[in-house]
Amino acid sequence: STVTLSGNAFIDREGDTVSGSVITYNTKTSVYTVKGGKNAGKRGRV
């Protein structure tokens, strides 16, 4: 029950936003795991 977004990853849940290099989102629990990286912009920050 996960969606993994990679490369300029972005999620918006009703105005709450998350961005980074890789985001793993659990579709049942609505829990995000966000990772930065050298290609995430702003020096790898999330």
ModelCIF file with pLDDT and N, C-alpha, C, O atoms, coordinates in Angstrom:
data_MODEL
#
_entry.id   MODEL 
#
_entity.id                         1 
_entity.type                       polymer 
_entity.pdbx_number_of_molecules   1 
#
_entity_poly.entity_id                      1 
_entity_poly.type                           'polypeptide(L)' 
_entity_poly.nstd_linkage                   no 
_entity_poly.nstd_monomer                   no 
_entity_poly.pdbx_seq_one_letter_code       STVTLSGNAFIDREGDTVSGSVITYNTKTSVYTVKGGKNAGKRGRV 
_entity_poly.pdbx_seq_one_letter_code_can   STVTLSGNAFIDREGDTVSGSVITYNTKTSVYTVKGGKNAGKRGRV 
_entity_poly.pdbx_strand_id                 A 
#
loop_
_entity_poly_seq.entity_id 
_entity_poly_seq.num 
_entity_poly_seq.mon_id 
_entity_poly_seq.hetero 
1 1  SER n 
1 2  THR n 
1 3  VAL n 
1 4  THR n 
1 5  LEU n 
1 6  SER n 
1 7  GLY n 
1 8  ASN n 
1 9  ALA n 
1 10 PHE n 
1 11 ILE n 
1 12 ASP n 
1 13 ARG n 
1 14 GLU n 
1 15 GLY n 
1 16 ASP n 
1 17 THR n 
1 18 VAL n 
1 19 SER n 
1 20 GLY n 
1 21 SER n 
1 22 VAL n 
1 23 ILE n 
1 24 THR n 
1 25 TYR n 
1 26 ASN n 
1 27 THR n 
1 28 LYS n 
1 29 THR n 
1 30 SER n 
1 31 VAL n 
1 32 TYR n 
1 33 THR n 
1 34 VAL n 
1 35 LYS n 
1 36 GLY n 
1 37 GLY n 
1 38 LYS n 
1 39 ASN n 
1 40 ALA n 
1 41 GLY n 
1 42 LYS n 
1 43 ARG n 
1 44 GLY n 
1 45 ARG n 
1 46 VAL n 
#
_struct_asym.id          A 
_struct_asym.entity_id   1 
#
loop_
_ma_qa_metric.id 
_ma_qa_metric.mode 
_ma_qa_metric.name 
_ma_qa_metric.software_group_id 
_ma_qa_metric.type 
1 global pLDDT . pLDDT 
2 local  pLDDT . pLDDT 
#
_ma_qa_metric_global.metric_id      1 
_ma_qa_metric_global.metric_value   86.15 
_ma_qa_metric_global.model_id       1 
_ma_qa_metric_global.ordinal_id     1 
#
loop_
_ma_qa_metric_local.label_asym_id 
_ma_qa_metric_local.label_comp_id 
_ma_qa_metric_local.label_seq_id 
_ma_qa_metric_local.metric_id 
_ma_qa_metric_local.metric_value 
_ma_qa_metric_local.model_id 
_ma_qa_metric_local.ordinal_id 
A SER 1  2 92.00 1 1  
A THR 2  2 94.00 1 2  
A VAL 3  2 94.00 1 3  
A THR 4  2 96.00 1 4  
A LEU 5  2 95.00 1 5  
A SER 6  2 94.00 1 6  
A GLY 7  2 92.00 1 7  
A ASN 8  2 91.00 1 8  
A ALA 9  2 94.00 1 9  
A PHE 10 2 95.00 1 10 
A ILE 11 2 94.00 1 11 
A ASP 12 2 95.00 1 12 
A ARG 13 2 92.00 1 13 
A GLU 14 2 90.00 1 14 
A GLY 15 2 90.00 1 15 
A ASP 16 2 91.00 1 16 
A THR 17 2 94.00 1 17 
A VAL 18 2 93.00 1 18 
A SER 19 2 93.00 1 19 
A GLY 20 2 93.00 1 20 
A SER 21 2 93.00 1 21 
A VAL 22 2 95.00 1 22 
A ILE 23 2 95.00 1 23 
A THR 24 2 96.00 1 24 
A TYR 25 2 93.00 1 25 
A ASN 26 2 93.00 1 26 
A THR 27 2 89.00 1 27 
A LYS 28 2 90.00 1 28 
A THR 29 2 90.00 1 29 
A SER 30 2 86.00 1 30 
A VAL 31 2 90.00 1 31 
A TYR 32 2 89.00 1 32 
A THR 33 2 92.00 1 33 
A VAL 34 2 93.00 1 34 
A LYS 35 2 91.00 1 35 
A GLY 36 2 88.00 1 36 
A GLY 37 2 75.00 1 37 
A LYS 38 2 66.00 1 38 
A ASN 39 2 52.00 1 39 
A ALA 40 2 45.00 1 40 
A GLY 41 2 50.00 1 41 
A LYS 42 2 54.00 1 42 
A ARG 43 2 63.00 1 43 
A GLY 44 2 72.00 1 44 
A ARG 45 2 77.00 1 45 
A VAL 46 2 84.00 1 46 
#
loop_
_atom_site.group_PDB 
_atom_site.id 
_atom_site.type_symbol 
_atom_site.label_atom_id 
_atom_site.label_alt_id 
_atom_site.label_comp_id 
_atom_site.label_asym_id 
_atom_site.label_entity_id 
_atom_site.label_seq_id 
_atom_site.pdbx_PDB_ins_code 
_atom_site.Cartn_x 
_atom_site.Cartn_y 
_atom_site.Cartn_z 
_atom_site.occupancy 
_atom_site.B_iso_or_equiv 
_atom_site.pdbx_formal_charge 
_atom_site.auth_seq_id 
_atom_site.auth_comp_id 
_atom_site.auth_asym_id 
_atom_site.auth_atom_id 
_atom_site.pdbx_PDB_model_num 
ATOM 1   N N  . SER A 1 1  ? 0.826  -1.214 0.000  1.00 92.00 ? 1  SER A N  1 
ATOM 2   C CA . SER A 1 1  ? 0.000  0.000  0.000  1.00 92.00 ? 1  SER A CA 1 
ATOM 3   C C  . SER A 1 1  ? 0.855  1.256  0.000  1.00 92.00 ? 1  SER A C  1 
ATOM 4   O O  . SER A 1 1  ? 0.571  2.207  0.729  1.00 92.00 ? 1  SER A O  1 
ATOM 5   N N  . THR A 1 2  ? 1.905  1.260  -0.820 1.00 94.00 ? 2  THR A N  1 
ATOM 6   C CA . THR A 1 2  ? 2.778  2.428  -0.895 1.00 94.00 ? 2  THR A CA 1 
ATOM 7   C C  . THR A 1 2  ? 2.866  2.967  -2.318 1.00 94.00 ? 2  THR A C  1 
ATOM 8   O O  . THR A 1 2  ? 2.759  2.236  -3.303 1.00 94.00 ? 2  THR A O  1 
ATOM 9   N N  . VAL A 1 3  ? 3.065  4.275  -2.375 1.00 94.00 ? 3  VAL A N  1 
ATOM 10  C CA . VAL A 1 3  ? 3.396  4.952  -3.621 1.00 94.00 ? 3  VAL A CA 1 
ATOM 11  C C  . VAL A 1 3  ? 4.759  5.584  -3.388 1.00 94.00 ? 3  VAL A C  1 
ATOM 12  O O  . VAL A 1 3  ? 4.928  6.360  -2.448 1.00 94.00 ? 3  VAL A O  1 
ATOM 13  N N  . THR A 1 4  ? 5.736  5.261  -4.236 1.00 96.00 ? 4  THR A N  1 
ATOM 14  C CA . THR A 1 4  ? 7.063  5.842  -4.133 1.00 96.00 ? 4  THR A CA 1 
ATOM 15  C C  . THR A 1 4  ? 7.256  6.782  -5.315 1.00 96.00 ? 4  THR A C  1 
ATOM 16  O O  . THR A 1 4  ? 7.180  6.379  -6.476 1.00 96.00 ? 4  THR A O  1 
ATOM 17  N N  . LEU A 1 5  ? 7.507  8.045  -4.987 1.00 95.00 ? 5  LEU A N  1 
ATOM 18  C CA . LEU A 1 5  ? 7.737  9.075  -6.000 1.00 95.00 ? 5  LEU A CA 1 
ATOM 19  C C  . LEU A 1 5  ? 9.210  9.423  -5.969 1.00 95.00 ? 5  LEU A C  1 
ATOM 20  O O  . LEU A 1 5  ? 9.760  9.663  -4.894 1.00 95.00 ? 5  LEU A O  1 
ATOM 21  N N  . SER A 1 6  ? 9.859  9.457  -7.116 1.00 94.00 ? 6  SER A N  1 
ATOM 22  C CA . SER A 1 6  ? 11.282 9.799  -7.143 1.00 94.00 ? 6  SER A CA 1 
ATOM 23  C C  . SER A 1 6  ? 11.579 10.767 -8.277 1.00 94.00 ? 6  SER A C  1 
ATOM 24  O O  . SER A 1 6  ? 10.974 10.715 -9.348 1.00 94.00 ? 6  SER A O  1 
ATOM 25  N N  . GLY A 1 7  ? 12.533 11.653 -8.004 1.00 92.00 ? 7  GLY A N  1 
ATOM 26  C CA . GLY A 1 7  ? 12.907 12.681 -8.972 1.00 92.00 ? 7  GLY A CA 1 
ATOM 27  C C  . GLY A 1 7  ? 11.930 13.833 -8.927 1.00 92.00 ? 7  GLY A C  1 
ATOM 28  O O  . GLY A 1 7  ? 10.840 13.741 -9.491 1.00 92.00 ? 7  GLY A O  1 
ATOM 29  N N  . ASN A 1 8  ? 12.301 14.922 -8.263 1.00 91.00 ? 8  ASN A N  1 
ATOM 30  C CA . ASN A 1 8  ? 11.425 16.100 -8.132 1.00 91.00 ? 8  ASN A CA 1 
ATOM 31  C C  . ASN A 1 8  ? 10.068 15.719 -7.549 1.00 91.00 ? 8  ASN A C  1 
ATOM 32  O O  . ASN A 1 8  ? 9.026  16.142 -8.050 1.00 91.00 ? 8  ASN A O  1 
ATOM 33  N N  . ALA A 1 9  ? 10.094 14.918 -6.487 1.00 94.00 ? 9  ALA A N  1 
ATOM 34  C CA . ALA A 1 9  ? 8.871  14.390 -5.890 1.00 94.00 ? 9  ALA A CA 1 
ATOM 35  C C  . ALA A 1 9  ? 8.131  15.454 -5.095 1.00 94.00 ? 9  ALA A C  1 
ATOM 36  O O  . ALA A 1 9  ? 8.742  16.267 -4.402 1.00 94.00 ? 9  ALA A O  1 
ATOM 37  N N  . PHE A 1 10 ? 6.809  15.437 -5.205 1.00 95.00 ? 10 PHE A N  1 
ATOM 38  C CA . PHE A 1 10 ? 5.955  16.415 -4.531 1.00 95.00 ? 10 PHE A CA 1 
ATOM 39  C C  . PHE A 1 10 ? 4.616  15.775 -4.204 1.00 95.00 ? 10 PHE A C  1 
ATOM 40  O O  . PHE A 1 10 ? 4.032  15.086 -5.041 1.00 95.00 ? 10 PHE A O  1 
ATOM 41  N N  . ILE A 1 11 ? 4.123  16.003 -2.979 1.00 94.00 ? 11 ILE A N  1 
ATOM 42  C CA . ILE A 1 11 ? 2.789  15.547 -2.570 1.00 94.00 ? 11 ILE A CA 1 
ATOM 43  C C  . ILE A 1 11 ? 2.067  16.698 -1.892 1.00 94.00 ? 11 ILE A C  1 
ATOM 44  O O  . ILE A 1 11 ? 2.658  17.443 -1.111 1.00 94.00 ? 11 ILE A O  1 
ATOM 45  N N  . ASP A 1 12 ? 0.785  16.837 -2.198 1.00 95.00 ? 12 ASP A N  1 
ATOM 46  C CA . ASP A 1 12 ? -0.082 17.831 -1.583 1.00 95.00 ? 12 ASP A CA 1 
ATOM 47  C C  . ASP A 1 12 ? -1.309 17.108 -1.032 1.00 95.00 ? 12 ASP A C  1 
ATOM 48  O O  . ASP A 1 12 ? -2.063 16.479 -1.775 1.00 95.00 ? 12 ASP A O  1 
ATOM 49  N N  . ARG A 1 13 ? -1.496 17.210 0.291  1.00 92.00 ? 13 ARG A N  1 
ATOM 50  C CA . ARG A 1 13 ? -2.696 16.652 0.913  1.00 92.00 ? 13 ARG A CA 1 
ATOM 51  C C  . ARG A 1 13 ? -3.456 17.809 1.538  1.00 92.00 ? 13 ARG A C  1 
ATOM 52  O O  . ARG A 1 13 ? -3.146 18.250 2.646  1.00 92.00 ? 13 ARG A O  1 
ATOM 53  N N  . GLU A 1 14 ? -4.455 18.294 0.813  1.00 90.00 ? 14 GLU A N  1 
ATOM 54  C CA . GLU A 1 14 ? -5.318 19.357 1.319  1.00 90.00 ? 14 GLU A CA 1 
ATOM 55  C C  . GLU A 1 14 ? -4.522 20.561 1.815  1.00 90.00 ? 14 GLU A C  1 
ATOM 56  O O  . GLU A 1 14 ? -4.857 21.143 2.847  1.00 90.00 ? 14 GLU A O  1 
ATOM 57  N N  . GLY A 1 15 ? -3.475 20.935 1.091  1.00 90.00 ? 15 GLY A N  1 
ATOM 58  C CA . GLY A 1 15 ? -2.675 22.106 1.436  1.00 90.00 ? 15 GLY A CA 1 
ATOM 59  C C  . GLY A 1 15 ? -1.418 21.806 2.225  1.00 90.00 ? 15 GLY A C  1 
ATOM 60  O O  . GLY A 1 15 ? -0.527 22.653 2.293  1.00 90.00 ? 15 GLY A O  1 
ATOM 61  N N  . ASP A 1 16 ? -1.314 20.617 2.832  1.00 91.00 ? 16 ASP A N  1 
ATOM 62  C CA . ASP A 1 16 ? -0.067 20.185 3.464  1.00 91.00 ? 16 ASP A CA 1 
ATOM 63  C C  . ASP A 1 16 ? 0.815  19.640 2.351  1.00 91.00 ? 16 ASP A C  1 
ATOM 64  O O  . ASP A 1 16 ? 0.413  18.713 1.648  1.00 91.00 ? 16 ASP A O  1 
ATOM 65  N N  . THR A 1 17 ? 2.016  20.198 2.175  1.00 94.00 ? 17 THR A N  1 
ATOM 66  C CA . THR A 1 17 ? 2.862  19.785 1.062  1.00 94.00 ? 17 THR A CA 1 
ATOM 67  C C  . THR A 1 17 ? 4.188  19.219 1.551  1.00 94.00 ? 17 THR A C  1 
ATOM 68  O O  . THR A 1 17 ? 4.715  19.611 2.592  1.00 94.00 ? 17 THR A O  1 
ATOM 69  N N  . VAL A 1 18 ? 4.708  18.281 0.761  1.00 93.00 ? 18 VAL A N  1 
ATOM 70  C CA . VAL A 1 18 ? 5.985  17.627 1.030  1.00 93.00 ? 18 VAL A CA 1 
ATOM 71  C C  . VAL A 1 18 ? 6.715  17.533 -0.302 1.00 93.00 ? 18 VAL A C  1 
ATOM 72  O O  . VAL A 1 18 ? 6.127  17.143 -1.311 1.00 93.00 ? 18 VAL A O  1 
ATOM 73  N N  . SER A 1 19 ? 8.017  17.896 -0.306 1.00 93.00 ? 19 SER A N  1 
ATOM 74  C CA . SER A 1 19 ? 8.807  17.726 -1.522 1.00 93.00 ? 19 SER A CA 1 
ATOM 75  C C  . SER A 1 19 ? 10.201 17.261 -1.156 1.00 93.00 ? 19 SER A C  1 
ATOM 76  O O  . SER A 1 19 ? 10.700 17.536 -0.064 1.00 93.00 ? 19 SER A O  1 
ATOM 77  N N  . GLY A 1 20 ? 10.824 16.552 -2.087 1.00 93.00 ? 20 GLY A N  1 
ATOM 78  C CA . GLY A 1 20 ? 12.170 16.040 -1.885 1.00 93.00 ? 20 GLY A CA 1 
ATOM 79  C C  . GLY A 1 20 ? 12.588 15.214 -3.077 1.00 93.00 ? 20 GLY A C  1 
ATOM 80  O O  . GLY A 1 20 ? 11.924 15.225 -4.114 1.00 93.00 ? 20 GLY A O  1 
ATOM 81  N N  . SER A 1 21 ? 13.677 14.503 -2.935 1.00 93.00 ? 21 SER A N  1 
ATOM 82  C CA . SER A 1 21 ? 14.174 13.655 -4.012 1.00 93.00 ? 21 SER A CA 1 
ATOM 83  C C  . SER A 1 21 ? 13.334 12.390 -4.144 1.00 93.00 ? 21 SER A C  1 
ATOM 84  O O  . SER A 1 21 ? 12.983 11.975 -5.248 1.00 93.00 ? 21 SER A O  1 
ATOM 85  N N  . VAL A 1 22 ? 13.012 11.774 -2.982 1.00 95.00 ? 22 VAL A N  1 
ATOM 86  C CA . VAL A 1 22 ? 12.199 10.551 -2.958 1.00 95.00 ? 22 VAL A CA 1 
ATOM 87  C C  . VAL A 1 22 ? 11.186 10.669 -1.828 1.00 95.00 ? 22 VAL A C  1 
ATOM 88  O O  . VAL A 1 22 ? 11.540 11.001 -0.697 1.00 95.00 ? 22 VAL A O  1 
ATOM 89  N N  . ILE A 1 23 ? 9.930  10.397 -2.139 1.00 95.00 ? 23 ILE A N  1 
ATOM 90  C CA . ILE A 1 23 ? 8.871  10.358 -1.133 1.00 95.00 ? 23 ILE A CA 1 
ATOM 91  C C  . ILE A 1 23 ? 8.197  9.000  -1.215 1.00 95.00 ? 23 ILE A C  1 
ATOM 92  O O  . ILE A 1 23 ? 7.786  8.566  -2.291 1.00 95.00 ? 23 ILE A O  1 
ATOM 93  N N  . THR A 1 24 ? 8.087  8.332  -0.075 1.00 96.00 ? 24 THR A N  1 
ATOM 94  C CA . THR A 1 24 ? 7.299  7.106  0.003  1.00 96.00 ? 24 THR A CA 1 
ATOM 95  C C  . THR A 1 24 ? 6.068  7.437  0.828  1.00 96.00 ? 24 THR A C  1 
ATOM 96  O O  . THR A 1 24 ? 6.178  7.915  1.957  1.00 96.00 ? 24 THR A O  1 
ATOM 97  N N  . TYR A 1 25 ? 4.900  7.182  0.264  1.00 93.00 ? 25 TYR A N  1 
ATOM 98  C CA . TYR A 1 25 ? 3.624  7.524  0.892  1.00 93.00 ? 25 TYR A CA 1 
ATOM 99  C C  . TYR A 1 25 ? 2.811  6.254  1.077  1.00 93.00 ? 25 TYR A C  1 
ATOM 100 O O  . TYR A 1 25 ? 2.558  5.528  0.116  1.00 93.00 ? 25 TYR A O  1 
ATOM 101 N N  . ASN A 1 26 ? 2.399  5.983  2.316  1.00 93.00 ? 26 ASN A N  1 
ATOM 102 C CA . ASN A 1 26 ? 1.562  4.832  2.600  1.00 93.00 ? 26 ASN A CA 1 
ATOM 103 C C  . ASN A 1 26 ? 0.107  5.250  2.391  1.00 93.00 ? 26 ASN A C  1 
ATOM 104 O O  . ASN A 1 26 ? -0.388 6.142  3.080  1.00 93.00 ? 26 ASN A O  1 
ATOM 105 N N  . THR A 1 27 ? -0.573 4.611  1.449  1.00 89.00 ? 27 THR A N  1 
ATOM 106 C CA . THR A 1 27 ? -1.930 5.006  1.090  1.00 89.00 ? 27 THR A CA 1 
ATOM 107 C C  . THR A 1 27 ? -2.960 4.609  2.142  1.00 89.00 ? 27 THR A C  1 
ATOM 108 O O  . THR A 1 27 ? -4.074 5.132  2.128  1.00 89.00 ? 27 THR A O  1 
ATOM 109 N N  . LYS A 1 28 ? -2.619 3.702  3.051  1.00 90.00 ? 28 LYS A N  1 
ATOM 110 C CA . LYS A 1 28 ? -3.560 3.307  4.117  1.00 90.00 ? 28 LYS A CA 1 
ATOM 111 C C  . LYS A 1 28 ? -3.384 4.151  5.372  1.00 90.00 ? 28 LYS A C  1 
ATOM 112 O O  . LYS A 1 28 ? -4.370 4.516  6.014  1.00 90.00 ? 28 LYS A O  1 
ATOM 113 N N  . THR A 1 29 ? -2.144 4.465  5.729  1.00 90.00 ? 29 THR A N  1 
ATOM 114 C CA . THR A 1 29 ? -1.879 5.189  6.976  1.00 90.00 ? 29 THR A CA 1 
ATOM 115 C C  . THR A 1 29 ? -1.627 6.680  6.755  1.00 90.00 ? 29 THR A C  1 
ATOM 116 O O  . THR A 1 29 ? -1.596 7.447  7.718  1.00 90.00 ? 29 THR A O  1 
ATOM 117 N N  . SER A 1 30 ? -1.449 7.100  5.510  1.00 86.00 ? 30 SER A N  1 
ATOM 118 C CA . SER A 1 30 ? -1.127 8.492  5.151  1.00 86.00 ? 30 SER A CA 1 
ATOM 119 C C  . SER A 1 30 ? 0.189  8.964  5.764  1.00 86.00 ? 30 SER A C  1 
ATOM 120 O O  . SER A 1 30 ? 0.353  10.154 6.032  1.00 86.00 ? 30 SER A O  1 
ATOM 121 N N  . VAL A 1 31 ? 1.130  8.043  5.989  1.00 90.00 ? 31 VAL A N  1 
ATOM 122 C CA . VAL A 1 31 ? 2.447  8.381  6.538  1.00 90.00 ? 31 VAL A CA 1 
ATOM 123 C C  . VAL A 1 31 ? 3.417  8.572  5.378  1.00 90.00 ? 31 VAL A C  1 
ATOM 124 O O  . VAL A 1 31 ? 3.462  7.765  4.449  1.00 90.00 ? 31 VAL A O  1 
ATOM 125 N N  . TYR A 1 32 ? 4.203  9.670  5.446  1.00 89.00 ? 32 TYR A N  1 
ATOM 126 C CA . TYR A 1 32 ? 5.200  9.987  4.426  1.00 89.00 ? 32 TYR A CA 1 
ATOM 127 C C  . TYR A 1 32 ? 6.595  9.702  4.957  1.00 89.00 ? 32 TYR A C  1 
ATOM 128 O O  . TYR A 1 32 ? 6.865  9.888  6.144  1.00 89.00 ? 32 TYR A O  1 
ATOM 129 N N  . THR A 1 33 ? 7.481  9.251  4.074  1.00 92.00 ? 33 THR A N  1 
ATOM 130 C CA . THR A 1 33 ? 8.908  9.215  4.338  1.00 92.00 ? 33 THR A CA 1 
ATOM 131 C C  . THR A 1 33 ? 9.544  10.015 3.213  1.00 92.00 ? 33 THR A C  1 
ATOM 132 O O  . THR A 1 33 ? 9.342  9.705  2.040  1.00 92.00 ? 33 THR A O  1 
ATOM 133 N N  . VAL A 1 34 ? 10.315 11.047 3.562  1.00 93.00 ? 34 VAL A N  1 
ATOM 134 C CA . VAL A 1 34 ? 10.878 11.947 2.558  1.00 93.00 ? 34 VAL A CA 1 
ATOM 135 C C  . VAL A 1 34 ? 12.393 11.937 2.653  1.00 93.00 ? 34 VAL A C  1 
ATOM 136 O O  . VAL A 1 34 ? 12.951 12.026 3.746  1.00 93.00 ? 34 VAL A O  1 
ATOM 137 N N  . LYS A 1 35 ? 13.059 11.828 1.508  1.00 91.00 ? 35 LYS A N  1 
ATOM 138 C CA . LYS A 1 35 ? 14.519 11.856 1.459  1.00 91.00 ? 35 LYS A CA 1 
ATOM 139 C C  . LYS A 1 35 ? 14.958 12.966 0.525  1.00 91.00 ? 35 LYS A C  1 
ATOM 140 O O  . LYS A 1 35 ? 14.355 13.199 -0.523 1.00 91.00 ? 35 LYS A O  1 
ATOM 141 N N  . GLY A 1 36 ? 16.015 13.639 0.922  1.00 88.00 ? 36 GLY A N  1 
ATOM 142 C CA . GLY A 1 36 ? 16.639 14.623 0.047  1.00 88.00 ? 36 GLY A CA 1 
ATOM 143 C C  . GLY A 1 36 ? 17.704 13.930 -0.779 1.00 88.00 ? 36 GLY A C  1 
ATOM 144 O O  . GLY A 1 36 ? 17.891 12.718 -0.667 1.00 88.00 ? 36 GLY A O  1 
ATOM 145 N N  . GLY A 1 37 ? 18.382 14.667 -1.580 1.00 75.00 ? 37 GLY A N  1 
ATOM 146 C CA . GLY A 1 37 ? 19.450 14.118 -2.398 1.00 75.00 ? 37 GLY A CA 1 
ATOM 147 C C  . GLY A 1 37 ? 20.102 15.231 -3.168 1.00 75.00 ? 37 GLY A C  1 
ATOM 148 O O  . GLY A 1 37 ? 19.613 16.360 -3.186 1.00 75.00 ? 37 GLY A O  1 
ATOM 149 N N  . LYS A 1 38 ? 21.196 14.918 -3.797 1.00 66.00 ? 38 LYS A N  1 
ATOM 150 C CA . LYS A 1 38 ? 21.929 15.969 -4.503 1.00 66.00 ? 38 LYS A CA 1 
ATOM 151 C C  . LYS A 1 38 ? 21.111 16.598 -5.622 1.00 66.00 ? 38 LYS A C  1 
ATOM 152 O O  . LYS A 1 38 ? 21.402 17.719 -6.038 1.00 66.00 ? 38 LYS A O  1 
ATOM 153 N N  . ASN A 1 39 ? 20.089 15.895 -6.121 1.00 52.00 ? 39 ASN A N  1 
ATOM 154 C CA . ASN A 1 39 ? 19.252 16.445 -7.175 1.00 52.00 ? 39 ASN A CA 1 
ATOM 155 C C  . ASN A 1 39 ? 17.962 17.042 -6.643 1.00 52.00 ? 39 ASN A C  1 
ATOM 156 O O  . ASN A 1 39 ? 17.100 17.437 -7.428 1.00 52.00 ? 39 ASN A O  1 
ATOM 157 N N  . ALA A 1 40 ? 17.807 17.117 -5.313 1.00 45.00 ? 40 ALA A N  1 
ATOM 158 C CA . ALA A 1 40 ? 16.567 17.623 -4.718 1.00 45.00 ? 40 ALA A CA 1 
ATOM 159 C C  . ALA A 1 40 ? 16.518 19.144 -4.675 1.00 45.00 ? 40 ALA A C  1 
ATOM 160 O O  . ALA A 1 40 ? 15.508 19.713 -4.262 1.00 45.00 ? 40 ALA A O  1 
ATOM 161 N N  . GLY A 1 41 ? 17.572 19.802 -5.087 1.00 50.00 ? 41 GLY A N  1 
ATOM 162 C CA . GLY A 1 41 ? 17.598 21.261 -5.040 1.00 50.00 ? 41 GLY A CA 1 
ATOM 163 C C  . GLY A 1 41 ? 17.908 21.730 -3.633 1.00 50.00 ? 41 GLY A C  1 
ATOM 164 O O  . GLY A 1 41 ? 17.818 20.953 -2.683 1.00 50.00 ? 41 GLY A O  1 
ATOM 165 N N  . LYS A 1 42 ? 18.266 22.970 -3.495 1.00 54.00 ? 42 LYS A N  1 
ATOM 166 C CA . LYS A 1 42 ? 18.572 23.561 -2.195 1.00 54.00 ? 42 LYS A CA 1 
ATOM 167 C C  . LYS A 1 42 ? 19.489 22.649 -1.371 1.00 54.00 ? 42 LYS A C  1 
ATOM 168 O O  . LYS A 1 42 ? 19.259 22.438 -0.180 1.00 54.00 ? 42 LYS A O  1 
ATOM 169 N N  . ARG A 1 43 ? 20.507 22.126 -2.003 1.00 63.00 ? 43 ARG A N  1 
ATOM 170 C CA . ARG A 1 43 ? 21.523 21.293 -1.357 1.00 63.00 ? 43 ARG A CA 1 
ATOM 171 C C  . ARG A 1 43 ? 20.960 20.031 -0.723 1.00 63.00 ? 43 ARG A C  1 
ATOM 172 O O  . ARG A 1 43 ? 21.408 19.628 0.350  1.00 63.00 ? 43 ARG A O  1 
ATOM 173 N N  . GLY A 1 44 ? 19.995 19.407 -1.364 1.00 72.00 ? 44 GLY A N  1 
ATOM 174 C CA . GLY A 1 44 ? 19.493 18.127 -0.898 1.00 72.00 ? 44 GLY A CA 1 
ATOM 175 C C  . GLY A 1 44 ? 18.472 18.196 0.203  1.00 72.00 ? 44 GLY A C  1 
ATOM 176 O O  . GLY A 1 44 ? 18.158 17.176 0.816  1.00 72.00 ? 44 GLY A O  1 
ATOM 177 N N  . ARG A 1 45 ? 17.955 19.349 0.465  1.00 77.00 ? 45 ARG A N  1 
ATOM 178 C CA . ARG A 1 45 ? 16.986 19.498 1.537  1.00 77.00 ? 45 ARG A CA 1 
ATOM 179 C C  . ARG A 1 45 ? 15.608 19.018 1.108  1.00 77.00 ? 45 ARG A C  1 
ATOM 180 O O  . ARG A 1 45 ? 15.281 18.966 -0.078 1.00 77.00 ? 45 ARG A O  1 
ATOM 181 N N  . VAL A 1 46 ? 14.813 18.668 2.114  1.00 84.00 ? 46 VAL A N  1 
ATOM 182 C CA . VAL A 1 46 ? 13.412 18.380 1.868  1.00 84.00 ? 46 VAL A CA 1 
ATOM 183 C C  . VAL A 1 46 ? 12.600 19.564 2.373  1.00 84.00 ? 46 VAL A C  1 
ATOM 184 O O  . VAL A 1 46 ? 11.373 19.557 2.276  1.00 84.00 ? 46 VAL A O  1 
#
